[in-house]
Amino acid sequence: MVDLIAAEAETIGEPAVNISIFGVFVLITLVITFRASRTNKSAADFYAAGRNISGTQNGLAIAGDYLSAASFLGIAGAIAVYGYDGFLYSIGFLVAWLVALLLVAELMRNTARFTMADVLAFRMRQGPVRTAAAISTLVVSLFYLLAQMAGAGGLVTLLLGVSGEAAQALVVVVVGALMIFYVLVGGMRGTTYVQVIKATLLIAGAFVMTVWVLGKYGFSLSALIGGAIESGGQAVAEPGAQYGLTDVTKLDFISLGLALVLGTAGLPHVLMRFYTVPTAKDARRSVVWAIWLIGIFYLFSLVIGYGAGALVGKEEILAAPGAVNAAAPLLAFELGGTALLGIISGVAFATILAVVAGLTITASASFAHDVYASVIKKGNAAPGSEVKVARIAAIVIGAVAIGLGILALQAGLNIAFLVALAFAVAASANLPTILYTLFWKNFTTQGALWSIYGGLIACVTLIVFSPVVSGAPVNPATGKSTSLLQDVDFSWFPLNNPGLVSIPLSFFLGWLGTKLSKDRPDVDKYAELEVRSLTGIGAEKAVPH
């Protein structure tokens, strides 16, 4: 079977069957989205699903939002190729939820109305802080969208046998346009229902593949790892295959871990999910549900990754369209042929669809609510105009994401790695400001602006001048560099993930900006924020402008 996959490197399975299963998923989610759109009568409905999603439903939706293409395709591929080091992504993504649960979830739900900026601007000057928060939200969302678009393009390219860069780019355009449509029609309620269904299907599909793989090895994890070692060498069972080779890669691992653990609590599309529940208790319950579901899934991903390494093989995975991101679909084809491949790929496609919808609605809501309604219109936007602006913003954001996704797809970057960059930006630009706002009464507007802009500019600048964008060595399996830009080299920052530098810098700039500020902190406003965050009083009301 592996020989068959290698011989048909441009496609696996039957394209007609694959596209049919895709079509079924699309039709089902279209029906859900259209039904949900009937209840979108206000900005609260479009942004926060009317705040009537239960804790259990929201926990499933959070899992559906968080378990992205990076979790299913990227991590499975990283484990298949790098073994132990690939599983470190799973550990970082899961541990991050403890930060979100203990420090952020309940307080954010009680304090904000629609967006992260509702909290950050509560006791600051509205205009500059909301603008800064909106810019940060847009940048984080674009980095995250970049990974999802690359994953969607690689998956469809693999299943339909599309070859050539122009054809692959067209696939990304079509997939991106479809995803934008869901947001325009369904809003947050439609997005939530799609995420709930997608999480259920994804965990069920991962469970089936896990049991199937373990069954081939007598339900022995050690026998499975032994098979992976036989196929990929001893390195897949030992630390250091990816991050222990040199002092630079060891530092890169520390930087990656810092970004993963601290990034979740600063992701705008995750924070926005807390505003859809009616009470703080539901916010806590939703995070607990999410932790259990995500943790179970990541245990499945360990088996799926090692199963792909053992049954498919590292060389075949790297030679397929999508490279490391093709591990899970290739394993599905190896286990159950065309039928299982089509089902698993349909689930993966639904995964990407749900995550992109959540990201797009978050970014568009931030622009419409924080910039248009609060800064430009000073809180006096005409009825319905805010949602209209949000929909226009969704189209623009989607178009930019499509363009960046084409570059990422053609570079063959691991989408789990791309998502880690989004986590680094969120942890650098958002989390320090959120924590200072919630817990430091002397924090000022200048401190918030220095923290957001300083962390954001430092993080993005270091990414631009890192091997992620240019100067990475050529991958022998693909014959291309893993950088976004080929055949150029202007990199001077050695680490692939900038979190080790940009996150502490953002905390420092927030402190320094506050200490050097001539503004006096609004202690009364902080007292009001503290009461509101702990009790939830006033959470339904608009934040004063």
Protein backbone atom coordinates (compact mmCIF):
# COMPACT_ATOMS: atom_id res chain seq x y z
CA MET A 1 0.00 0.00 0.00
CA VAL A 2 2.87 2.37 0.82
CA ASP A 3 4.34 1.71 -2.61
CA LEU A 4 0.99 2.67 -4.13
CA ILE A 5 0.98 5.93 -2.22
CA ALA A 6 4.54 6.69 -3.30
CA ALA A 7 3.70 5.91 -6.91
CA GLU A 8 0.68 8.19 -6.82
CA ALA A 9 2.34 11.06 -4.99
CA GLU A 10 0.10 13.66 -6.57
CA THR A 11 -3.15 12.17 -5.29
CA ILE A 12 -4.45 9.39 -3.06
CA GLY A 13 -7.79 7.66 -3.16
CA GLU A 14 -10.50 8.48 -5.70
CA PRO A 15 -10.90 12.23 -6.34
CA ALA A 16 -14.59 11.75 -7.22
CA VAL A 17 -15.29 10.04 -3.90
CA ASN A 18 -13.24 12.63 -1.99
CA ILE A 19 -15.05 15.58 -3.54
CA SER A 20 -18.43 13.90 -2.94
CA ILE A 21 -17.74 13.54 0.78
CA PHE A 22 -16.50 17.14 0.86
CA GLY A 23 -19.75 18.16 -0.81
CA VAL A 24 -21.84 16.41 1.84
CA PHE A 25 -19.99 18.23 4.63
CA VAL A 26 -20.38 21.56 2.88
CA LEU A 27 -24.13 21.04 2.30
CA ILE A 28 -24.74 20.04 5.92
CA THR A 29 -22.87 23.05 7.28
CA LEU A 30 -24.60 25.34 4.78
CA VAL A 31 -28.00 24.21 6.08
CA ILE A 32 -26.88 24.82 9.68
CA THR A 33 -25.52 28.25 8.79
CA PHE A 34 -28.68 29.36 6.96
CA ARG A 35 -30.89 28.21 9.84
CA ALA A 36 -28.71 30.08 12.33
CA SER A 37 -28.79 33.24 10.22
CA ARG A 38 -32.53 33.65 10.85
CA THR A 39 -31.85 34.63 14.47
CA ASN A 40 -29.17 37.25 13.68
CA LYS A 41 -31.18 40.39 14.39
CA SER A 42 -28.61 42.49 16.29
CA ALA A 43 -24.90 42.98 16.87
CA ALA A 44 -25.17 40.84 20.02
CA ASP A 45 -26.59 37.99 17.92
CA PHE A 46 -23.93 38.35 15.21
CA TYR A 47 -20.95 38.69 17.58
CA ALA A 48 -21.93 36.66 20.68
CA ALA A 49 -24.84 34.39 19.60
CA GLY A 50 -27.15 36.31 21.95
CA ARG A 51 -25.15 35.11 24.99
CA ASN A 52 -27.35 32.01 25.31
CA ILE A 53 -24.89 29.19 24.49
CA SER A 54 -24.65 26.70 27.40
CA GLY A 55 -21.35 25.88 29.10
CA THR A 56 -21.27 22.37 27.63
CA GLN A 57 -22.07 23.60 24.12
CA ASN A 58 -19.46 26.33 24.45
CA GLY A 59 -16.87 23.81 25.69
CA LEU A 60 -17.47 21.75 22.56
CA ALA A 61 -17.32 24.90 20.43
CA ILE A 62 -14.05 25.96 22.07
CA ALA A 63 -12.61 22.52 21.36
CA GLY A 64 -13.88 22.84 17.79
CA ASP A 65 -12.29 26.29 17.52
CA TYR A 66 -9.00 25.28 19.15
CA LEU A 67 -8.47 21.87 17.54
CA SER A 68 -7.50 23.38 14.23
CA ALA A 69 -5.76 22.02 11.17
CA ALA A 70 -2.56 22.48 13.18
CA SER A 71 -3.78 20.04 15.82
CA PHE A 72 -5.03 17.37 13.44
CA LEU A 73 -2.74 17.66 10.41
CA GLY A 74 0.30 19.55 11.68
CA ILE A 75 0.88 17.78 15.00
CA ALA A 76 0.25 14.31 13.54
CA GLY A 77 2.81 15.09 10.84
CA ALA A 78 5.32 16.50 13.33
CA ILE A 79 5.06 13.34 15.49
CA ALA A 80 5.34 11.10 12.41
CA VAL A 81 8.50 12.84 11.22
CA TYR A 82 10.14 14.01 14.48
CA GLY A 83 8.54 11.74 17.07
CA TYR A 84 8.95 12.99 20.62
CA ASP A 85 9.72 16.58 19.63
CA GLY A 86 6.52 16.73 17.57
CA PHE A 87 4.45 15.72 20.62
CA LEU A 88 5.78 18.77 22.48
CA TYR A 89 3.32 20.86 20.45
CA SER A 90 0.45 18.88 22.01
CA ILE A 91 1.79 19.37 25.52
CA GLY A 92 2.22 23.12 25.05
CA PHE A 93 -1.22 23.60 23.47
CA LEU A 94 -2.90 21.69 26.36
CA VAL A 95 -1.00 23.21 29.32
CA ALA A 96 -1.87 26.65 27.93
CA TRP A 97 -5.49 26.11 28.96
CA LEU A 98 -4.56 26.20 32.64
CA VAL A 99 -3.46 29.82 32.18
CA ALA A 100 -6.72 30.59 30.39
CA LEU A 101 -8.82 28.84 33.07
CA LEU A 102 -7.11 30.26 36.15
CA LEU A 103 -6.37 33.83 35.05
CA VAL A 104 -8.57 34.88 32.15
CA ALA A 105 -11.79 33.00 31.29
CA GLU A 106 -14.19 34.08 34.06
CA LEU A 107 -12.80 37.62 34.43
CA MET A 108 -12.95 38.32 30.69
CA ARG A 109 -16.51 37.02 30.43
CA ASN A 110 -17.64 39.21 33.31
CA THR A 111 -15.94 42.35 32.03
CA ALA A 112 -16.27 42.41 28.25
CA ARG A 113 -19.24 42.72 25.97
CA PHE A 114 -18.04 41.62 22.53
CA THR A 115 -14.26 41.94 22.14
CA MET A 116 -10.95 41.86 24.01
CA ALA A 117 -10.71 45.66 23.68
CA ASP A 118 -13.83 46.06 25.85
CA VAL A 119 -11.65 44.94 28.78
CA LEU A 120 -8.44 46.73 27.82
CA ALA A 121 -10.17 50.08 27.23
CA PHE A 122 -12.46 49.92 30.28
CA ARG A 123 -10.29 52.21 32.45
CA MET A 124 -8.08 53.69 29.70
CA ARG A 125 -8.50 56.29 26.95
CA GLN A 126 -10.91 54.57 24.58
CA GLY A 127 -9.65 55.63 21.15
CA PRO A 128 -5.94 54.73 21.23
CA VAL A 129 -6.36 51.53 23.27
CA ARG A 130 -9.23 50.18 21.16
CA THR A 131 -7.29 50.94 17.97
CA ALA A 132 -4.20 49.18 19.30
CA ALA A 133 -6.23 46.14 20.43
CA ALA A 134 -7.98 45.95 17.05
CA ILE A 135 -4.66 46.05 15.18
CA SER A 136 -3.27 43.31 17.43
CA THR A 137 -6.40 41.20 16.91
CA LEU A 138 -6.14 41.55 13.13
CA VAL A 139 -2.46 40.55 13.08
CA VAL A 140 -2.97 37.49 15.32
CA SER A 141 -5.98 36.41 13.26
CA LEU A 142 -4.06 36.75 9.99
CA PHE A 143 -1.19 34.60 11.26
CA TYR A 144 -3.69 31.96 12.39
CA LEU A 145 -5.64 32.19 9.14
CA LEU A 146 -2.39 31.77 7.22
CA ALA A 147 -1.95 28.32 8.75
CA GLN A 148 -5.56 27.26 8.16
CA MET A 149 -5.54 28.37 4.51
CA ALA A 150 -2.29 26.50 3.90
CA GLY A 151 -3.79 23.41 5.54
CA ALA A 152 -6.97 23.62 3.47
CA GLY A 153 -5.05 24.09 0.23
CA GLY A 154 -2.67 21.23 0.97
CA LEU A 155 -5.49 18.86 1.94
CA VAL A 156 -7.64 19.55 -1.12
CA THR A 157 -4.57 19.47 -3.38
CA LEU A 158 -3.66 16.04 -2.05
CA LEU A 159 -7.16 14.61 -2.41
CA LEU A 160 -7.99 16.02 -5.84
CA GLY A 161 -4.60 15.42 -7.43
CA VAL A 162 -4.11 19.09 -8.31
CA SER A 163 -0.58 19.83 -9.51
CA GLY A 164 1.23 23.05 -10.31
CA GLU A 165 1.48 26.19 -8.19
CA ALA A 166 -1.21 28.06 -10.11
CA ALA A 167 -3.73 25.25 -9.66
CA GLN A 168 -2.92 24.94 -5.96
CA ALA A 169 -3.34 28.69 -5.55
CA LEU A 170 -6.77 28.44 -7.18
CA VAL A 171 -7.73 25.74 -4.67
CA VAL A 172 -6.82 28.07 -1.79
CA VAL A 173 -8.88 30.88 -3.35
CA VAL A 174 -11.97 28.68 -3.74
CA VAL A 175 -11.68 27.21 -0.24
CA GLY A 176 -11.13 30.67 1.27
CA ALA A 177 -14.12 32.15 -0.53
CA LEU A 178 -16.34 29.34 0.76
CA MET A 179 -15.18 29.89 4.32
CA ILE A 180 -15.80 33.64 4.17
CA PHE A 181 -19.36 32.94 2.97
CA TYR A 182 -20.15 31.02 6.17
CA VAL A 183 -19.19 33.99 8.33
CA LEU A 184 -21.17 36.50 6.27
CA VAL A 185 -24.32 34.42 6.55
CA GLY A 186 -24.20 32.63 9.91
CA GLY A 187 -22.45 34.98 12.33
CA MET A 188 -21.33 33.64 15.71
CA ARG A 189 -24.36 31.40 16.23
CA GLY A 190 -23.85 29.57 12.95
CA THR A 191 -20.13 29.39 13.62
CA THR A 192 -20.78 27.91 17.09
CA TYR A 193 -23.05 25.15 15.77
CA VAL A 194 -20.55 24.25 13.04
CA GLN A 195 -17.77 24.12 15.66
CA VAL A 196 -19.80 21.86 17.97
CA ILE A 197 -20.54 19.37 15.18
CA LYS A 198 -16.97 19.56 13.89
CA ALA A 199 -15.47 18.88 17.36
CA THR A 200 -17.70 15.83 17.77
CA LEU A 201 -16.76 14.47 14.34
CA LEU A 202 -13.05 15.21 14.76
CA ILE A 203 -12.75 13.48 18.14
CA ALA A 204 -14.80 10.53 16.87
CA GLY A 205 -12.67 10.24 13.72
CA ALA A 206 -9.45 10.46 15.73
CA PHE A 207 -10.80 7.78 18.11
CA VAL A 208 -11.53 5.40 15.21
CA MET A 209 -8.05 5.90 13.74
CA THR A 210 -6.43 5.47 17.17
CA VAL A 211 -8.20 2.16 17.87
CA TRP A 212 -7.46 0.96 14.32
CA VAL A 213 -3.75 1.75 14.58
CA LEU A 214 -3.39 0.22 18.05
CA GLY A 215 -5.26 -2.87 16.82
CA LYS A 216 -2.54 -3.47 14.25
CA TYR A 217 0.02 -3.58 17.07
CA GLY A 218 -1.92 -5.68 19.57
CA PHE A 219 -3.13 -2.57 21.42
CA SER A 220 0.40 -2.03 22.66
CA LEU A 221 1.77 1.52 22.53
CA SER A 222 5.32 0.26 22.97
CA ALA A 223 4.90 -2.07 19.96
CA LEU A 224 3.59 0.88 17.92
CA ILE A 225 6.56 3.06 18.88
CA GLY A 226 8.81 0.13 18.02
CA GLY A 227 7.26 0.04 14.55
CA ALA A 228 7.85 3.79 14.18
CA ILE A 229 11.50 3.32 15.22
CA GLU A 230 11.88 0.52 12.68
CA SER A 231 10.53 2.79 9.95
CA GLY A 232 12.01 6.16 10.94
CA GLY A 233 15.00 5.35 13.14
CA GLN A 234 15.68 5.57 16.88
CA ALA A 235 15.49 9.38 16.82
CA VAL A 236 11.65 9.39 16.69
CA ALA A 237 11.50 7.96 20.23
CA GLU A 238 14.09 10.29 21.73
CA PRO A 239 14.13 14.02 22.53
CA GLY A 240 16.13 16.26 20.25
CA ALA A 241 15.22 15.12 16.73
CA GLN A 242 14.03 18.63 15.91
CA TYR A 243 14.98 20.87 18.85
CA GLY A 244 18.10 19.31 20.36
CA LEU A 245 20.56 19.41 17.49
CA THR A 246 22.30 22.72 18.30
CA ASP A 247 22.26 25.46 20.93
CA VAL A 248 20.06 27.54 18.60
CA THR A 249 17.43 24.81 18.24
CA LYS A 250 17.42 24.30 22.02
CA LEU A 251 16.71 28.01 22.49
CA ASP A 252 14.07 27.74 19.77
CA PHE A 253 12.35 25.01 21.77
CA ILE A 254 12.25 27.19 24.91
CA SER A 255 10.88 30.05 22.81
CA LEU A 256 8.24 27.79 21.25
CA GLY A 257 7.16 26.42 24.64
CA LEU A 258 6.82 29.93 26.10
CA ALA A 259 4.69 31.03 23.14
CA LEU A 260 2.43 27.96 23.27
CA VAL A 261 1.82 28.05 27.04
CA LEU A 262 1.13 31.80 27.21
CA GLY A 263 -0.45 32.32 23.80
CA THR A 264 -3.86 30.70 24.29
CA ALA A 265 -4.95 33.18 26.98
CA GLY A 266 -4.24 36.01 24.53
CA LEU A 267 -5.91 34.60 21.41
CA PRO A 268 -8.79 36.93 20.49
CA HIS A 269 -10.94 34.20 18.89
CA VAL A 270 -10.64 32.05 22.04
CA LEU A 271 -11.42 35.01 24.34
CA MET A 272 -14.46 35.92 22.24
CA ARG A 273 -15.97 32.49 22.92
CA PHE A 274 -16.31 33.38 26.62
CA TYR A 275 -18.78 36.15 25.73
CA THR A 276 -21.33 33.72 24.26
CA VAL A 277 -22.32 32.13 27.61
CA PRO A 278 -24.93 33.58 30.00
CA THR A 279 -22.98 33.32 33.30
CA ALA A 280 -19.44 33.18 34.69
CA LYS A 281 -20.16 29.64 35.91
CA ASP A 282 -20.84 28.63 32.31
CA ALA A 283 -17.54 30.23 31.28
CA ARG A 284 -15.66 28.08 33.79
CA ARG A 285 -17.61 24.98 32.83
CA SER A 286 -16.90 25.55 29.15
CA VAL A 287 -13.14 25.74 29.78
CA VAL A 288 -13.18 22.54 31.87
CA TRP A 289 -15.06 20.74 29.08
CA ALA A 290 -12.59 22.11 26.56
CA ILE A 291 -9.57 20.92 28.60
CA TRP A 292 -10.92 17.36 28.81
CA LEU A 293 -11.85 17.15 25.15
CA ILE A 294 -8.61 18.72 23.93
CA GLY A 295 -6.49 16.54 26.24
CA ILE A 296 -8.16 13.34 25.03
CA PHE A 297 -7.70 14.40 21.41
CA TYR A 298 -3.99 15.08 21.89
CA LEU A 299 -3.52 11.58 23.30
CA PHE A 300 -5.16 10.30 20.11
CA SER A 301 -2.80 12.48 18.06
CA LEU A 302 0.21 10.72 19.62
CA VAL A 303 -1.03 7.34 18.34
CA ILE A 304 -2.02 8.76 14.94
CA GLY A 305 1.37 10.43 14.50
CA TYR A 306 3.41 7.38 15.43
CA GLY A 307 1.02 5.24 13.38
CA ALA A 308 1.67 7.37 10.31
CA GLY A 309 5.42 7.14 10.91
CA ALA A 310 5.26 3.35 11.25
CA LEU A 311 2.73 2.43 8.55
CA VAL A 312 3.31 5.13 5.93
CA GLY A 313 6.89 6.19 6.53
CA LYS A 314 8.73 9.49 6.83
CA GLU A 315 9.91 9.62 3.20
CA GLU A 316 6.45 9.03 1.72
CA ILE A 317 4.94 11.69 4.00
CA LEU A 318 7.53 14.33 3.08
CA ALA A 319 7.19 13.52 -0.64
CA ALA A 320 3.40 13.98 -0.70
CA PRO A 321 1.68 17.30 -1.52
CA GLY A 322 1.43 19.16 1.78
CA ALA A 323 4.53 17.37 3.11
CA VAL A 324 4.27 16.78 6.89
CA ASN A 325 0.64 17.97 6.88
CA ALA A 326 -0.33 14.94 4.76
CA ALA A 327 0.50 12.35 7.46
CA ALA A 328 -3.04 11.88 8.85
CA PRO A 329 -4.77 11.56 5.41
CA LEU A 330 -2.06 9.16 4.22
CA LEU A 331 -2.53 7.04 7.35
CA ALA A 332 -6.31 7.00 6.81
CA PHE A 333 -5.76 5.73 3.27
CA GLU A 334 -3.33 3.08 4.51
CA LEU A 335 -5.84 1.87 7.13
CA GLY A 336 -9.21 2.01 5.39
CA GLY A 337 -8.63 2.92 1.78
CA THR A 338 -10.66 5.50 -0.09
CA ALA A 339 -13.69 5.42 2.24
CA LEU A 340 -11.81 6.21 5.46
CA LEU A 341 -9.61 8.71 3.65
CA GLY A 342 -12.65 10.59 2.38
CA ILE A 343 -14.31 10.65 5.81
CA ILE A 344 -11.20 11.73 7.72
CA SER A 345 -10.37 14.34 5.10
CA GLY A 346 -13.94 15.63 5.22
CA VAL A 347 -13.60 15.97 8.99
CA ALA A 348 -10.28 17.78 8.54
CA PHE A 349 -11.91 20.10 6.02
CA ALA A 350 -14.75 20.80 8.46
CA THR A 351 -12.08 21.48 11.10
CA ILE A 352 -10.46 24.13 8.94
CA LEU A 353 -13.85 25.58 8.01
CA ALA A 354 -14.93 25.98 11.64
CA VAL A 355 -11.65 27.51 12.81
CA VAL A 356 -11.44 29.97 9.93
CA ALA A 357 -15.03 31.04 10.53
CA GLY A 358 -14.24 31.74 14.19
CA LEU A 359 -11.09 33.66 13.32
CA THR A 360 -12.74 35.73 10.61
CA ILE A 361 -15.71 36.74 12.73
CA THR A 362 -13.37 37.72 15.59
CA ALA A 363 -11.18 39.89 13.38
CA SER A 364 -14.12 41.53 11.61
CA ALA A 365 -15.96 42.11 14.92
CA SER A 366 -12.88 43.77 16.38
CA PHE A 367 -12.62 46.19 13.47
CA ALA A 368 -16.33 46.98 13.34
CA HIS A 369 -16.94 47.21 17.12
CA ASP A 370 -13.64 48.70 18.31
CA VAL A 371 -12.54 50.90 15.40
CA TYR A 372 -15.71 51.78 13.46
CA ALA A 373 -18.38 51.94 16.17
CA SER A 374 -16.26 53.03 19.15
CA VAL A 375 -13.48 55.19 17.65
CA ILE A 376 -14.79 56.54 14.34
CA LYS A 377 -18.46 56.88 15.30
CA LYS A 378 -17.80 57.54 19.02
CA GLY A 379 -20.43 55.00 20.05
CA ASN A 380 -23.13 56.54 17.82
CA ALA A 381 -23.13 54.13 14.86
CA ALA A 382 -26.42 53.83 13.01
CA PRO A 383 -28.48 50.68 13.77
CA GLY A 384 -27.28 47.79 11.64
CA SER A 385 -24.24 49.64 10.29
CA GLU A 386 -21.82 47.92 12.68
CA VAL A 387 -22.76 44.44 11.46
CA LYS A 388 -22.58 45.65 7.85
CA VAL A 389 -19.05 46.95 8.42
CA ALA A 390 -18.12 43.65 10.11
CA ARG A 391 -19.22 41.73 7.02
CA ILE A 392 -17.20 43.99 4.71
CA ALA A 393 -14.19 43.56 7.00
CA ALA A 394 -14.62 39.77 6.84
CA ILE A 395 -14.28 39.87 3.05
CA VAL A 396 -11.11 42.00 3.19
CA ILE A 397 -9.52 39.90 5.94
CA GLY A 398 -10.36 36.71 4.05
CA ALA A 399 -8.79 38.03 0.86
CA VAL A 400 -5.53 38.89 2.63
CA ALA A 401 -5.49 35.48 4.32
CA ILE A 402 -5.94 33.76 0.96
CA GLY A 403 -2.90 35.55 -0.45
CA LEU A 404 -0.71 34.68 2.53
CA GLY A 405 -2.03 31.10 2.57
CA ILE A 406 -0.89 30.60 -1.02
CA LEU A 407 2.68 31.57 -0.02
CA ALA A 408 2.64 29.23 2.99
CA LEU A 409 1.25 26.31 0.98
CA GLN A 410 3.90 26.63 -1.70
CA ALA A 411 6.67 26.82 0.92
CA GLY A 412 5.47 23.54 2.50
CA LEU A 413 5.58 24.89 6.08
CA ASN A 414 4.17 22.77 8.93
CA ILE A 415 0.89 24.37 9.91
CA ALA A 416 1.38 23.53 13.60
CA PHE A 417 4.52 25.64 13.41
CA LEU A 418 2.63 28.47 11.67
CA VAL A 419 -0.01 28.46 14.40
CA ALA A 420 2.79 28.66 16.98
CA LEU A 421 3.76 32.00 15.41
CA ALA A 422 0.20 33.25 15.98
CA PHE A 423 0.51 32.15 19.61
CA ALA A 424 3.76 34.10 19.92
CA VAL A 425 2.09 37.27 18.61
CA ALA A 426 -0.89 36.79 20.96
CA ALA A 427 1.37 36.15 23.96
CA SER A 428 3.54 39.18 23.09
CA ALA A 429 0.91 41.79 22.18
CA ASN A 430 -2.19 40.76 24.14
CA LEU A 431 -1.53 38.70 27.27
CA PRO A 432 0.72 41.18 29.16
CA THR A 433 -1.79 43.99 28.61
CA ILE A 434 -4.72 41.77 29.67
CA LEU A 435 -3.00 40.70 32.89
CA TYR A 436 -1.84 44.23 33.77
CA THR A 437 -5.35 45.58 33.10
CA LEU A 438 -7.04 42.97 35.29
CA PHE A 439 -4.55 42.83 38.18
CA TRP A 440 -2.48 46.08 38.37
CA LYS A 441 -4.43 49.10 39.56
CA ASN A 442 -1.69 51.59 38.60
CA PHE A 443 -1.59 50.47 34.94
CA THR A 444 -2.05 53.40 32.53
CA THR A 445 -3.00 54.04 28.92
CA GLN A 446 0.64 54.67 27.98
CA GLY A 447 1.63 51.36 29.56
CA ALA A 448 -1.08 49.56 27.57
CA LEU A 449 0.00 51.15 24.29
CA TRP A 450 3.69 50.46 24.87
CA SER A 451 2.92 46.85 25.77
CA ILE A 452 0.62 46.17 22.80
CA TYR A 453 2.58 47.99 20.11
CA GLY A 454 5.99 47.09 21.54
CA GLY A 455 5.20 43.38 21.81
CA LEU A 456 3.47 43.34 18.42
CA ILE A 457 6.18 45.22 16.52
CA ALA A 458 9.01 43.26 18.17
CA CYS A 459 7.35 39.90 17.51
CA VAL A 460 6.44 40.58 13.87
CA THR A 461 9.82 42.18 13.13
CA LEU A 462 11.72 39.18 14.51
CA ILE A 463 9.52 36.83 12.47
CA VAL A 464 10.15 38.83 9.28
CA PHE A 465 13.92 38.65 9.80
CA SER A 466 13.94 34.99 10.88
CA PRO A 467 14.41 31.81 8.80
CA VAL A 468 10.61 31.53 8.67
CA VAL A 469 10.49 34.23 5.99
CA SER A 470 13.88 33.83 4.29
CA GLY A 471 17.19 32.02 4.49
CA ALA A 472 16.12 28.59 5.76
CA PRO A 473 18.14 25.65 4.38
CA VAL A 474 16.73 23.58 1.52
CA ASN A 475 14.65 20.56 2.54
CA PRO A 476 16.19 17.51 0.76
CA ALA A 477 12.78 15.82 0.49
CA THR A 478 11.15 18.68 -1.41
CA GLY A 479 14.16 20.41 -2.96
CA LYS A 480 12.86 23.76 -1.64
CA SER A 481 13.60 25.99 1.30
CA THR A 482 11.01 25.96 4.08
CA SER A 483 10.99 29.79 4.11
CA LEU A 484 7.96 31.71 2.85
CA LEU A 485 10.19 33.51 0.32
CA GLN A 486 12.43 31.35 -1.82
CA ASP A 487 15.90 32.19 -3.16
CA VAL A 488 16.42 35.24 -0.91
CA ASP A 489 18.08 35.61 2.47
CA PHE A 490 17.71 38.69 4.67
CA SER A 491 17.39 36.84 7.98
CA TRP A 492 19.51 37.88 10.97
CA PHE A 493 17.40 36.60 13.91
CA PRO A 494 18.35 32.92 14.40
CA LEU A 495 15.20 31.60 16.15
CA ASN A 496 12.11 30.44 14.26
CA ASN A 497 9.82 31.50 17.12
CA PRO A 498 10.44 34.94 18.69
CA GLY A 499 8.54 34.39 21.95
CA LEU A 500 11.67 34.14 24.10
CA VAL A 501 12.52 37.76 23.26
CA SER A 502 9.19 39.44 22.46
CA ILE A 503 7.07 38.17 25.40
CA PRO A 504 9.36 39.38 28.24
CA LEU A 505 9.94 42.60 26.27
CA SER A 506 6.18 43.27 26.14
CA PHE A 507 5.82 42.77 29.93
CA PHE A 508 8.78 45.09 30.49
CA LEU A 509 7.43 47.79 28.14
CA GLY A 510 4.03 47.70 29.87
CA TRP A 511 5.74 48.29 33.22
CA LEU A 512 8.13 50.93 31.85
CA GLY A 513 5.41 52.82 29.97
CA THR A 514 3.33 52.97 33.13
CA LYS A 515 6.22 54.15 35.30
CA LEU A 516 7.16 56.88 32.81
CA SER A 517 3.57 57.93 32.16
CA LYS A 518 2.34 61.38 33.14
CA ASP A 519 -1.23 60.05 33.29
CA ARG A 520 -2.64 59.31 36.70
CA PRO A 521 -4.24 55.85 36.89
CA ASP A 522 -8.02 55.90 37.28
CA VAL A 523 -8.23 54.09 40.61
CA ASP A 524 -12.02 54.42 40.79
CA LYS A 525 -12.40 52.84 37.37
CA TYR A 526 -10.10 50.01 38.45
CA ALA A 527 -12.27 49.38 41.51
CA GLU A 528 -15.33 49.21 39.25
CA LEU A 529 -13.48 46.84 36.89
CA GLU A 530 -12.45 44.63 39.80
CA VAL A 531 -16.00 44.34 41.13
CA ARG A 532 -17.37 43.72 37.66
CA SER A 533 -14.76 41.07 36.80
CA LEU A 534 -15.37 39.16 40.04
CA THR A 535 -19.17 39.40 40.09
CA GLY A 536 -20.28 39.83 36.46
CA ILE A 537 -22.42 42.86 37.34
CA GLY A 538 -22.97 44.92 34.19
CA ALA A 539 -21.59 42.35 31.75
CA GLU A 540 -24.65 42.71 29.53
CA LYS A 541 -24.30 46.48 29.23
CA ALA A 542 -22.30 48.35 26.67
CA VAL A 543 -18.90 49.52 27.87
CA PRO A 544 -18.99 53.33 28.29
CA HIS A 545 -17.35 55.34 25.53
